[in-house]
Structure formats: structure tokens, C-alpha cells
N, C-alpha and C. Protein backbone atom coordinates (compact mmCIF):
# COMPACT_ATOMS: atom_id res chain seq x y z
N UNK A 1 -116.23 -42.86 102.88
CA UNK A 1 -116.05 -41.85 101.67
C UNK A 1 -117.38 -41.16 101.60
N UNK A 2 -117.27 -40.01 101.09
CA UNK A 2 -118.48 -39.22 101.03
C UNK A 2 -119.08 -39.56 99.63
N UNK A 3 -120.47 -39.05 99.66
CA UNK A 3 -121.02 -39.46 98.28
C UNK A 3 -120.40 -38.31 97.33
N UNK A 4 -119.97 -37.39 97.58
CA UNK A 4 -119.40 -36.28 96.60
C UNK A 4 -118.16 -36.94 96.08
N UNK A 5 -117.34 -37.59 96.74
CA UNK A 5 -116.01 -38.27 96.27
C UNK A 5 -116.35 -39.36 95.48
N UNK A 6 -117.23 -40.22 95.92
CA UNK A 6 -117.70 -41.39 95.17
C UNK A 6 -118.37 -40.81 93.69
N UNK A 7 -119.09 -39.77 93.71
CA UNK A 7 -119.56 -39.26 92.36
C UNK A 7 -118.48 -38.76 91.42
N UNK A 8 -117.55 -38.08 92.22
CA UNK A 8 -116.35 -37.54 91.36
C UNK A 8 -115.55 -38.76 90.78
N UNK A 9 -115.44 -39.76 91.49
CA UNK A 9 -114.64 -40.87 91.06
C UNK A 9 -115.44 -41.66 89.76
N UNK A 10 -116.76 -41.78 90.28
CA UNK A 10 -117.61 -42.42 89.11
C UNK A 10 -117.70 -41.68 87.88
N UNK A 11 -117.80 -40.25 88.02
CA UNK A 11 -117.77 -39.39 86.68
C UNK A 11 -116.46 -39.51 86.11
N UNK A 12 -115.36 -39.55 86.61
CA UNK A 12 -113.97 -39.69 86.05
C UNK A 12 -114.07 -41.09 85.41
N UNK A 13 -114.52 -42.02 85.93
CA UNK A 13 -114.42 -43.43 85.44
C UNK A 13 -115.11 -43.56 84.13
N UNK A 14 -116.46 -42.84 84.08
CA UNK A 14 -117.34 -42.93 83.03
C UNK A 14 -116.54 -42.07 81.85
N UNK A 15 -115.96 -40.83 82.32
CA UNK A 15 -115.26 -39.95 81.35
C UNK A 15 -114.14 -40.75 80.49
N UNK A 16 -113.32 -41.49 81.36
CA UNK A 16 -112.14 -42.16 80.75
C UNK A 16 -112.79 -43.30 80.03
N UNK A 17 -113.67 -44.09 80.44
CA UNK A 17 -114.35 -45.08 79.75
C UNK A 17 -114.84 -44.67 78.31
N UNK A 18 -115.66 -43.60 78.15
CA UNK A 18 -116.21 -43.17 76.98
C UNK A 18 -115.27 -42.39 76.03
N UNK A 19 -114.27 -41.86 76.68
CA UNK A 19 -113.29 -41.28 75.84
C UNK A 19 -112.35 -42.24 75.09
N UNK A 20 -112.09 -43.34 75.88
CA UNK A 20 -111.43 -44.34 75.33
C UNK A 20 -112.07 -45.08 74.26
N UNK A 21 -113.37 -45.26 74.38
CA UNK A 21 -114.30 -45.82 73.29
C UNK A 21 -114.30 -45.14 72.24
N UNK A 22 -114.33 -43.90 72.08
CA UNK A 22 -114.50 -43.00 71.08
C UNK A 22 -113.09 -43.11 70.10
N UNK A 23 -111.94 -43.42 70.72
CA UNK A 23 -110.71 -43.37 69.98
C UNK A 23 -110.36 -44.77 69.50
N UNK A 24 -111.15 -45.79 69.72
CA UNK A 24 -110.96 -46.90 69.27
C UNK A 24 -111.29 -47.07 67.84
N UNK A 25 -110.37 -47.82 67.08
CA UNK A 25 -110.21 -47.99 65.71
C UNK A 25 -110.47 -49.57 65.55
N UNK A 26 -111.47 -49.81 64.60
CA UNK A 26 -111.83 -51.14 64.05
C UNK A 26 -111.16 -51.18 62.66
N UNK A 27 -110.34 -52.24 62.58
CA UNK A 27 -109.72 -52.62 61.33
C UNK A 27 -110.30 -53.84 60.78
N UNK A 28 -110.68 -53.79 59.53
CA UNK A 28 -111.50 -54.95 58.77
C UNK A 28 -110.45 -55.16 57.91
N UNK A 29 -110.09 -56.59 57.88
CA UNK A 29 -109.02 -57.14 56.96
C UNK A 29 -109.91 -58.03 56.01
N UNK A 30 -109.72 -57.77 54.76
CA UNK A 30 -110.40 -58.56 53.72
C UNK A 30 -109.71 -59.89 53.48
N UNK A 31 -110.38 -60.88 53.11
CA UNK A 31 -109.77 -62.14 52.70
C UNK A 31 -109.13 -62.00 51.44
N UNK A 32 -107.74 -62.36 51.25
CA UNK A 32 -107.18 -62.37 49.90
C UNK A 32 -106.02 -63.23 50.24
N UNK A 33 -105.51 -63.69 48.89
CA UNK A 33 -104.17 -64.34 48.83
C UNK A 33 -104.26 -65.84 48.99
N UNK A 34 -103.31 -66.27 49.02
CA UNK A 34 -103.08 -67.85 49.27
C UNK A 34 -102.53 -68.06 50.85
N UNK A 35 -103.06 -68.97 51.34
CA UNK A 35 -102.83 -69.50 52.85
C UNK A 35 -102.63 -70.82 52.83
N UNK A 36 -101.73 -71.17 53.97
CA UNK A 36 -101.45 -72.51 54.20
C UNK A 36 -101.91 -72.63 55.61
N UNK A 37 -102.93 -73.56 55.89
CA UNK A 37 -103.74 -73.66 57.19
C UNK A 37 -103.19 -75.20 57.69
N UNK A 38 -103.09 -76.14 56.90
CA UNK A 38 -102.63 -77.30 57.37
C UNK A 38 -101.31 -77.79 56.94
N UNK A 39 -100.41 -78.21 57.72
CA UNK A 39 -98.99 -78.52 57.45
C UNK A 39 -98.59 -79.70 58.33
N UNK A 40 -97.95 -80.72 57.70
CA UNK A 40 -97.29 -81.70 58.57
C UNK A 40 -96.05 -82.20 58.02
N UNK A 41 -95.14 -82.62 58.63
CA UNK A 41 -93.75 -83.13 58.19
C UNK A 41 -93.27 -84.30 58.77
N UNK A 42 -92.28 -85.02 58.23
CA UNK A 42 -91.75 -86.27 58.98
C UNK A 42 -90.33 -86.51 58.43
N UNK A 43 -89.52 -87.06 59.31
CA UNK A 43 -88.11 -87.33 59.00
C UNK A 43 -88.02 -88.89 58.91
N UNK A 44 -87.34 -89.41 58.04
CA UNK A 44 -87.11 -90.87 57.96
C UNK A 44 -85.88 -91.14 57.03
N UNK A 45 -85.53 -92.55 57.17
CA UNK A 45 -84.29 -92.98 56.40
C UNK A 45 -84.80 -93.10 55.01
N UNK A 46 -83.75 -92.85 54.04
CA UNK A 46 -84.10 -93.02 52.74
C UNK A 46 -84.18 -94.61 52.28
N UNK A 47 -83.33 -95.28 52.77
CA UNK A 47 -83.41 -96.81 52.84
C UNK A 47 -82.49 -97.24 53.90
N UNK A 48 -82.61 -98.63 54.16
CA UNK A 48 -82.13 -99.32 55.36
C UNK A 48 -80.44 -99.31 55.28
N UNK A 49 -79.95 -99.30 53.92
CA UNK A 49 -78.63 -99.50 53.71
C UNK A 49 -77.81 -98.09 53.76
N UNK A 50 -78.41 -96.93 53.48
CA UNK A 50 -77.60 -95.74 53.60
C UNK A 50 -78.13 -94.86 54.69
N UNK A 51 -77.40 -94.91 55.85
CA UNK A 51 -77.65 -94.14 57.06
C UNK A 51 -77.26 -92.70 57.16
N UNK A 52 -76.72 -92.31 56.05
CA UNK A 52 -75.99 -91.00 55.86
C UNK A 52 -76.88 -90.02 55.25
N UNK A 53 -78.14 -90.49 54.94
CA UNK A 53 -79.18 -89.59 54.18
C UNK A 53 -80.54 -89.70 54.88
N UNK A 54 -81.22 -88.60 55.02
CA UNK A 54 -82.60 -88.73 55.57
C UNK A 54 -83.39 -88.07 54.47
N UNK A 55 -84.70 -88.49 54.75
CA UNK A 55 -85.66 -87.81 53.78
C UNK A 55 -86.84 -87.06 54.51
N UNK A 56 -86.85 -85.89 54.35
CA UNK A 56 -87.85 -84.96 54.91
C UNK A 56 -89.10 -85.03 54.04
N UNK A 57 -90.12 -85.45 54.51
CA UNK A 57 -91.39 -85.51 53.81
C UNK A 57 -92.23 -84.37 54.37
N UNK A 58 -93.02 -83.69 53.47
CA UNK A 58 -93.93 -82.74 54.01
C UNK A 58 -95.22 -82.68 53.23
N UNK A 59 -96.39 -82.20 53.73
CA UNK A 59 -97.57 -82.12 53.10
C UNK A 59 -98.29 -81.02 53.47
N UNK A 60 -98.83 -80.14 52.84
CA UNK A 60 -99.65 -78.88 53.10
C UNK A 60 -100.95 -78.68 52.51
N UNK A 61 -101.71 -78.02 52.96
CA UNK A 61 -102.89 -77.58 52.15
C UNK A 61 -102.89 -76.17 51.80
N UNK A 62 -102.87 -75.94 50.56
CA UNK A 62 -102.89 -74.46 49.96
C UNK A 62 -104.31 -73.99 49.77
N UNK A 63 -104.71 -72.87 50.35
CA UNK A 63 -106.02 -72.49 50.09
C UNK A 63 -106.16 -71.24 49.38
N UNK A 64 -107.11 -70.83 48.41
CA UNK A 64 -107.05 -69.75 47.69
C UNK A 64 -108.27 -68.76 48.53
N UNK A 65 -107.77 -67.72 49.02
CA UNK A 65 -108.70 -66.86 49.60
C UNK A 65 -109.03 -65.54 48.79
N UNK A 66 -108.66 -65.63 47.45
CA UNK A 66 -109.00 -64.45 46.52
C UNK A 66 -110.46 -64.80 45.98
N UNK A 67 -110.99 -63.69 45.54
CA UNK A 67 -112.41 -63.88 44.98
C UNK A 67 -112.49 -64.22 43.50
N UNK A 68 -111.13 -64.60 42.89
CA UNK A 68 -111.09 -65.30 41.59
C UNK A 68 -110.22 -66.31 41.69
N UNK A 69 -110.23 -67.10 40.47
CA UNK A 69 -109.39 -68.36 40.28
C UNK A 69 -108.04 -67.95 40.04
N UNK A 70 -107.04 -68.87 40.90
CA UNK A 70 -105.72 -68.56 40.74
C UNK A 70 -105.02 -69.94 40.16
N UNK A 71 -104.30 -69.73 39.16
CA UNK A 71 -103.58 -70.93 38.52
C UNK A 71 -102.22 -71.15 39.31
N UNK A 72 -102.05 -72.30 39.90
CA UNK A 72 -100.91 -72.36 40.69
C UNK A 72 -100.01 -73.27 39.77
N UNK A 73 -98.88 -72.81 39.38
CA UNK A 73 -97.83 -73.55 38.55
C UNK A 73 -97.03 -74.45 39.26
N UNK A 74 -96.45 -73.91 40.29
CA UNK A 74 -95.55 -74.78 41.27
C UNK A 74 -95.35 -74.39 42.60
N UNK A 75 -94.92 -75.21 43.40
CA UNK A 75 -94.66 -74.83 44.84
C UNK A 75 -93.03 -75.21 45.24
N UNK A 76 -92.40 -74.28 45.77
CA UNK A 76 -91.15 -74.63 46.08
C UNK A 76 -90.72 -74.33 47.65
N UNK A 77 -90.47 -75.42 48.52
CA UNK A 77 -89.92 -75.03 49.73
C UNK A 77 -88.52 -74.39 49.80
N UNK A 78 -88.47 -73.41 50.64
CA UNK A 78 -87.20 -72.66 50.85
C UNK A 78 -86.64 -73.16 52.12
N UNK A 79 -85.38 -73.80 52.03
CA UNK A 79 -84.67 -74.52 53.28
C UNK A 79 -83.91 -73.52 53.86
N UNK A 80 -83.83 -73.79 55.26
CA UNK A 80 -82.92 -72.84 56.15
C UNK A 80 -81.35 -72.83 55.54
N UNK A 81 -80.78 -71.78 55.96
CA UNK A 81 -79.41 -71.69 55.48
C UNK A 81 -78.46 -72.75 55.78
N UNK A 82 -78.59 -73.31 57.12
CA UNK A 82 -77.86 -74.43 57.66
C UNK A 82 -77.90 -75.54 56.86
N UNK A 83 -78.98 -76.00 56.39
CA UNK A 83 -79.06 -77.25 55.53
C UNK A 83 -78.97 -77.02 53.87
N UNK A 84 -78.93 -75.84 53.41
CA UNK A 84 -78.95 -75.42 52.10
C UNK A 84 -77.85 -76.31 51.47
N UNK A 85 -76.50 -76.23 51.91
CA UNK A 85 -75.56 -76.96 51.25
C UNK A 85 -75.69 -78.60 51.58
N UNK A 86 -76.45 -78.96 52.46
CA UNK A 86 -76.66 -80.54 52.58
C UNK A 86 -77.81 -81.12 51.98
N UNK A 87 -78.53 -80.39 51.15
CA UNK A 87 -79.80 -80.92 50.25
C UNK A 87 -79.15 -81.63 49.20
N UNK A 88 -79.42 -82.87 48.98
CA UNK A 88 -79.12 -83.72 47.88
C UNK A 88 -79.87 -83.80 46.72
N UNK A 89 -81.29 -83.58 47.19
CA UNK A 89 -82.43 -83.64 46.02
C UNK A 89 -82.00 -82.64 44.91
N UNK A 90 -82.03 -83.16 43.67
CA UNK A 90 -81.79 -82.33 42.47
C UNK A 90 -82.82 -81.27 42.11
N UNK A 91 -84.01 -81.80 42.61
CA UNK A 91 -85.09 -80.81 42.24
C UNK A 91 -86.09 -80.86 43.41
N UNK A 92 -86.39 -79.70 44.10
CA UNK A 92 -87.34 -79.70 45.18
C UNK A 92 -88.65 -79.16 44.81
N UNK A 93 -88.87 -78.39 43.60
CA UNK A 93 -90.02 -77.87 43.18
C UNK A 93 -91.14 -78.96 42.84
N UNK A 94 -92.19 -78.53 43.29
CA UNK A 94 -93.38 -79.59 43.04
C UNK A 94 -94.29 -78.82 42.07
N UNK A 95 -94.38 -79.45 40.91
CA UNK A 95 -95.26 -79.04 39.81
C UNK A 95 -96.61 -79.37 40.15
N UNK A 96 -97.43 -78.20 40.07
CA UNK A 96 -98.88 -78.36 40.52
C UNK A 96 -99.78 -78.26 39.20
N UNK A 97 -99.64 -77.14 38.40
CA UNK A 97 -100.46 -76.89 37.36
C UNK A 97 -101.90 -77.28 37.28
N UNK A 98 -102.39 -76.52 38.45
CA UNK A 98 -103.72 -76.65 38.62
C UNK A 98 -104.51 -75.42 38.93
N UNK A 99 -105.73 -75.18 38.44
CA UNK A 99 -106.68 -73.92 38.68
C UNK A 99 -107.21 -74.19 40.07
N UNK A 100 -106.97 -73.06 40.99
CA UNK A 100 -107.49 -73.08 42.31
C UNK A 100 -108.78 -72.23 42.29
N UNK A 101 -109.90 -72.66 42.50
CA UNK A 101 -111.10 -71.72 42.70
C UNK A 101 -110.99 -70.92 44.17
N UNK A 102 -111.86 -69.89 44.19
CA UNK A 102 -112.01 -69.13 45.31
C UNK A 102 -112.46 -70.25 46.63
N UNK A 103 -111.72 -69.98 47.68
CA UNK A 103 -112.08 -70.89 48.89
C UNK A 103 -111.85 -72.33 48.78
N UNK A 104 -111.06 -72.82 47.71
CA UNK A 104 -110.68 -74.13 47.35
C UNK A 104 -109.37 -74.35 47.88
N UNK A 105 -109.16 -75.60 48.31
CA UNK A 105 -107.82 -76.10 48.85
C UNK A 105 -107.25 -77.05 47.88
N UNK A 106 -105.87 -77.15 47.73
CA UNK A 106 -105.25 -78.34 47.30
C UNK A 106 -104.30 -78.97 48.14
N UNK A 107 -103.99 -80.23 48.14
CA UNK A 107 -103.00 -80.86 49.09
C UNK A 107 -101.72 -81.05 48.15
N UNK A 108 -100.68 -80.64 48.74
CA UNK A 108 -99.33 -80.73 47.91
C UNK A 108 -98.22 -81.59 48.87
N UNK A 109 -97.72 -82.64 48.40
CA UNK A 109 -96.81 -83.25 49.01
C UNK A 109 -95.55 -83.23 48.32
N UNK A 110 -94.32 -83.17 49.17
CA UNK A 110 -93.05 -83.30 48.73
C UNK A 110 -92.09 -83.73 49.58
N UNK A 111 -90.91 -83.91 49.15
CA UNK A 111 -89.82 -84.37 49.81
C UNK A 111 -88.49 -83.74 49.71
N UNK A 112 -87.58 -83.88 50.57
CA UNK A 112 -86.17 -83.34 50.23
C UNK A 112 -85.41 -84.41 50.94
N UNK A 113 -84.27 -84.74 50.28
CA UNK A 113 -83.19 -85.82 50.66
C UNK A 113 -82.10 -84.85 51.09
N UNK A 114 -81.73 -85.08 52.53
CA UNK A 114 -80.73 -84.38 53.04
C UNK A 114 -79.48 -85.13 53.45
N UNK A 115 -78.13 -84.67 53.42
CA UNK A 115 -77.09 -85.51 53.70
C UNK A 115 -76.79 -85.28 55.10
N UNK A 116 -76.76 -86.41 55.92
CA UNK A 116 -76.44 -86.21 57.35
C UNK A 116 -75.30 -86.98 57.72
N UNK A 117 -74.24 -87.13 56.84
CA UNK A 117 -73.09 -87.85 57.23
C UNK A 117 -72.38 -87.23 58.31
N UNK A 118 -72.08 -87.84 59.35
CA UNK A 118 -71.28 -87.33 60.53
C UNK A 118 -72.15 -86.72 61.44
N UNK A 119 -73.45 -86.77 61.36
CA UNK A 119 -74.37 -86.18 62.27
C UNK A 119 -74.96 -87.09 63.03
N UNK A 120 -75.34 -86.85 64.16
CA UNK A 120 -76.05 -87.62 65.14
C UNK A 120 -77.63 -87.20 65.27
N UNK A 121 -78.31 -87.96 65.88
CA UNK A 121 -79.84 -87.55 65.99
C UNK A 121 -80.02 -86.26 66.50
N UNK A 122 -79.39 -85.90 67.52
CA UNK A 122 -79.44 -84.52 68.16
C UNK A 122 -78.99 -83.39 67.23
N UNK A 123 -77.88 -83.54 66.53
CA UNK A 123 -77.50 -82.75 65.53
C UNK A 123 -78.34 -82.33 64.58
N UNK A 124 -78.97 -83.49 63.95
CA UNK A 124 -80.07 -83.33 63.00
C UNK A 124 -81.15 -82.43 63.47
N UNK A 125 -81.55 -82.73 64.75
CA UNK A 125 -82.77 -82.04 65.28
C UNK A 125 -82.45 -80.38 65.46
N UNK A 126 -81.16 -80.16 65.59
CA UNK A 126 -80.73 -78.84 65.78
C UNK A 126 -80.92 -78.14 64.48
N UNK A 127 -80.94 -78.72 63.41
CA UNK A 127 -80.96 -78.06 61.88
C UNK A 127 -82.41 -77.60 61.63
N UNK A 128 -83.47 -77.83 62.67
CA UNK A 128 -84.88 -77.55 62.28
C UNK A 128 -85.02 -76.08 62.46
N UNK A 129 -85.90 -75.27 61.80
CA UNK A 129 -86.93 -75.91 60.87
C UNK A 129 -86.26 -76.19 59.62
N UNK A 130 -86.40 -77.09 59.01
CA UNK A 130 -85.75 -77.55 57.75
C UNK A 130 -86.31 -76.48 56.55
N UNK A 131 -87.48 -76.33 56.64
CA UNK A 131 -88.23 -75.31 55.69
C UNK A 131 -88.70 -74.16 56.29
N UNK A 132 -88.25 -73.10 55.69
CA UNK A 132 -88.53 -71.73 56.39
C UNK A 132 -89.69 -70.89 55.79
N UNK A 133 -89.95 -71.12 54.43
CA UNK A 133 -90.92 -70.47 53.69
C UNK A 133 -91.40 -71.47 52.52
N UNK A 134 -92.59 -71.12 51.94
CA UNK A 134 -92.87 -71.79 50.59
C UNK A 134 -93.20 -70.64 49.59
N UNK A 135 -92.47 -71.00 48.40
CA UNK A 135 -92.54 -70.08 47.15
C UNK A 135 -93.69 -70.68 46.38
N UNK A 136 -94.59 -69.92 45.99
CA UNK A 136 -95.66 -70.39 45.21
C UNK A 136 -95.66 -69.51 43.82
N UNK A 137 -95.49 -70.32 42.67
CA UNK A 137 -95.55 -69.55 41.47
C UNK A 137 -96.78 -69.64 40.97
N UNK A 138 -97.49 -68.51 40.51
CA UNK A 138 -98.81 -68.56 39.87
C UNK A 138 -98.90 -67.90 38.62
N UNK A 139 -99.89 -68.07 37.90
CA UNK A 139 -99.90 -67.44 36.53
C UNK A 139 -101.46 -66.72 36.50
N UNK A 140 -101.38 -65.49 36.15
CA UNK A 140 -102.76 -64.85 35.91
C UNK A 140 -102.80 -64.20 34.66
N UNK A 141 -104.08 -64.28 34.03
CA UNK A 141 -104.25 -63.65 32.80
C UNK A 141 -105.22 -62.39 33.15
N UNK A 142 -104.67 -61.24 32.56
CA UNK A 142 -105.39 -59.97 32.59
C UNK A 142 -106.33 -59.59 31.54
N UNK A 143 -107.45 -59.58 31.67
CA UNK A 143 -108.47 -59.48 30.72
C UNK A 143 -108.39 -57.77 30.19
N UNK A 144 -108.29 -57.56 28.90
CA UNK A 144 -108.29 -56.41 28.29
C UNK A 144 -109.58 -55.97 27.94
N UNK A 145 -110.64 -56.88 27.64
CA UNK A 145 -112.05 -56.61 27.25
C UNK A 145 -112.53 -55.33 27.99
N UNK A 146 -112.63 -55.74 29.31
CA UNK A 146 -113.41 -54.48 30.13
C UNK A 146 -112.59 -53.21 30.17
N UNK A 147 -111.28 -53.29 30.04
CA UNK A 147 -110.44 -52.03 30.13
C UNK A 147 -110.47 -51.27 28.71
N UNK A 148 -110.67 -51.96 27.57
CA UNK A 148 -110.81 -51.32 26.21
C UNK A 148 -112.25 -50.69 26.24
N UNK A 149 -113.24 -51.50 26.83
CA UNK A 149 -114.55 -50.77 26.79
C UNK A 149 -114.60 -49.53 27.64
N UNK A 150 -114.04 -49.48 28.84
CA UNK A 150 -113.90 -48.20 29.50
C UNK A 150 -113.12 -47.11 28.88
N UNK A 151 -111.98 -47.47 28.12
CA UNK A 151 -111.23 -46.49 27.46
C UNK A 151 -112.22 -45.94 26.21
N UNK A 152 -112.80 -46.57 25.58
CA UNK A 152 -113.84 -46.23 24.55
C UNK A 152 -114.75 -45.19 25.15
N UNK A 153 -115.42 -45.66 26.07
CA UNK A 153 -116.40 -44.78 26.72
C UNK A 153 -115.93 -43.45 27.30
N UNK A 154 -114.52 -43.52 27.68
CA UNK A 154 -114.00 -42.35 28.25
C UNK A 154 -113.63 -41.38 27.06
N UNK A 155 -113.17 -41.87 26.07
CA UNK A 155 -112.68 -40.99 24.93
C UNK A 155 -114.10 -40.53 24.14
N UNK A 156 -115.19 -41.35 24.30
CA UNK A 156 -116.35 -40.73 23.73
C UNK A 156 -116.95 -39.55 24.43
N UNK A 157 -116.66 -39.42 25.72
CA UNK A 157 -117.06 -38.22 26.67
C UNK A 157 -116.33 -36.99 26.32
N UNK A 158 -115.02 -37.12 25.96
CA UNK A 158 -114.24 -36.21 25.65
C UNK A 158 -114.74 -35.45 24.47
N UNK A 159 -115.08 -35.97 23.27
CA UNK A 159 -115.52 -35.47 22.09
C UNK A 159 -116.79 -34.53 22.33
């Protein structure tokens, strides 16, 4: 190859490299909301005498990534459509009623009793995932103090 051809290829490489870098966007995502980082679950019998029911136990760590406190009222697992009509537990909502500070986590444990009458082990395993989502009910207080002060200052500027 000639030096001229090598220089042209090198120049094109540099041109493509730098034009690609100029169009790159950097996205910065802020930390916000509630996150679940640790999750575990287990299947077991309800008792030795009743083999037509299983207990699905779960444990999760709920973390507050907001910059303010969040009051967690309750947590409710949402089950998949295939087992929705097989859930025997009357109440699967876990009451928490705890204030969660920024960057703090709480451990939540729950269980769901499922009717498995007529199902073998392989049939039960095909029903997974038992839980598809977690519904978290929170409570928030909006302070009017700072908003009233801003409104008074704004009205004062008009006069």
C-alpha cells in the first residue's frame, strides 16, 4: 500500500471516530422511587396432612431512593393470571405502616396459600412465576407552608 492510501484511510478513520463521538448523548438518571433489590421465595407444604395446598413464602427488601421520607402503608403481591383463581389466602396484603427514610431499606415477608389439588410437582412448577409485580401503597403529606409563602410574595410583587 502506498503512503497516500494509508493516510486517506487513517484520515477517514479519524473523521468517523470524532464525528461519532460528537453525536453521543450522555443520559443521567437521577435516583428516585422505591426499588426492590433483594428477593427470595420458597414453596412448601402447609402441613403434613393436607397435600392439596402449598405455601408460597417470599421475602423482599424495599429501598427508598427518594430524597425524602416515604410512608409505606402496605405491600401487595400481584399473582399471575394462571393461579389467581387458585389462591386460598383471604388476605395477601402485608401491612407495613412504617416511615422509610432516604436510602433506607425494610424487609417485608409474606405468604400465599395456593390450592394444588390434582396438580403434580411439574404442573405446579409450570405455574411460575407466582408473583408478577408488587403493589406498594404509600402516603404523602404535601406541605402548604412553602407554597403559601411563595404565593404571598408573588401577589406582593403585582401591587
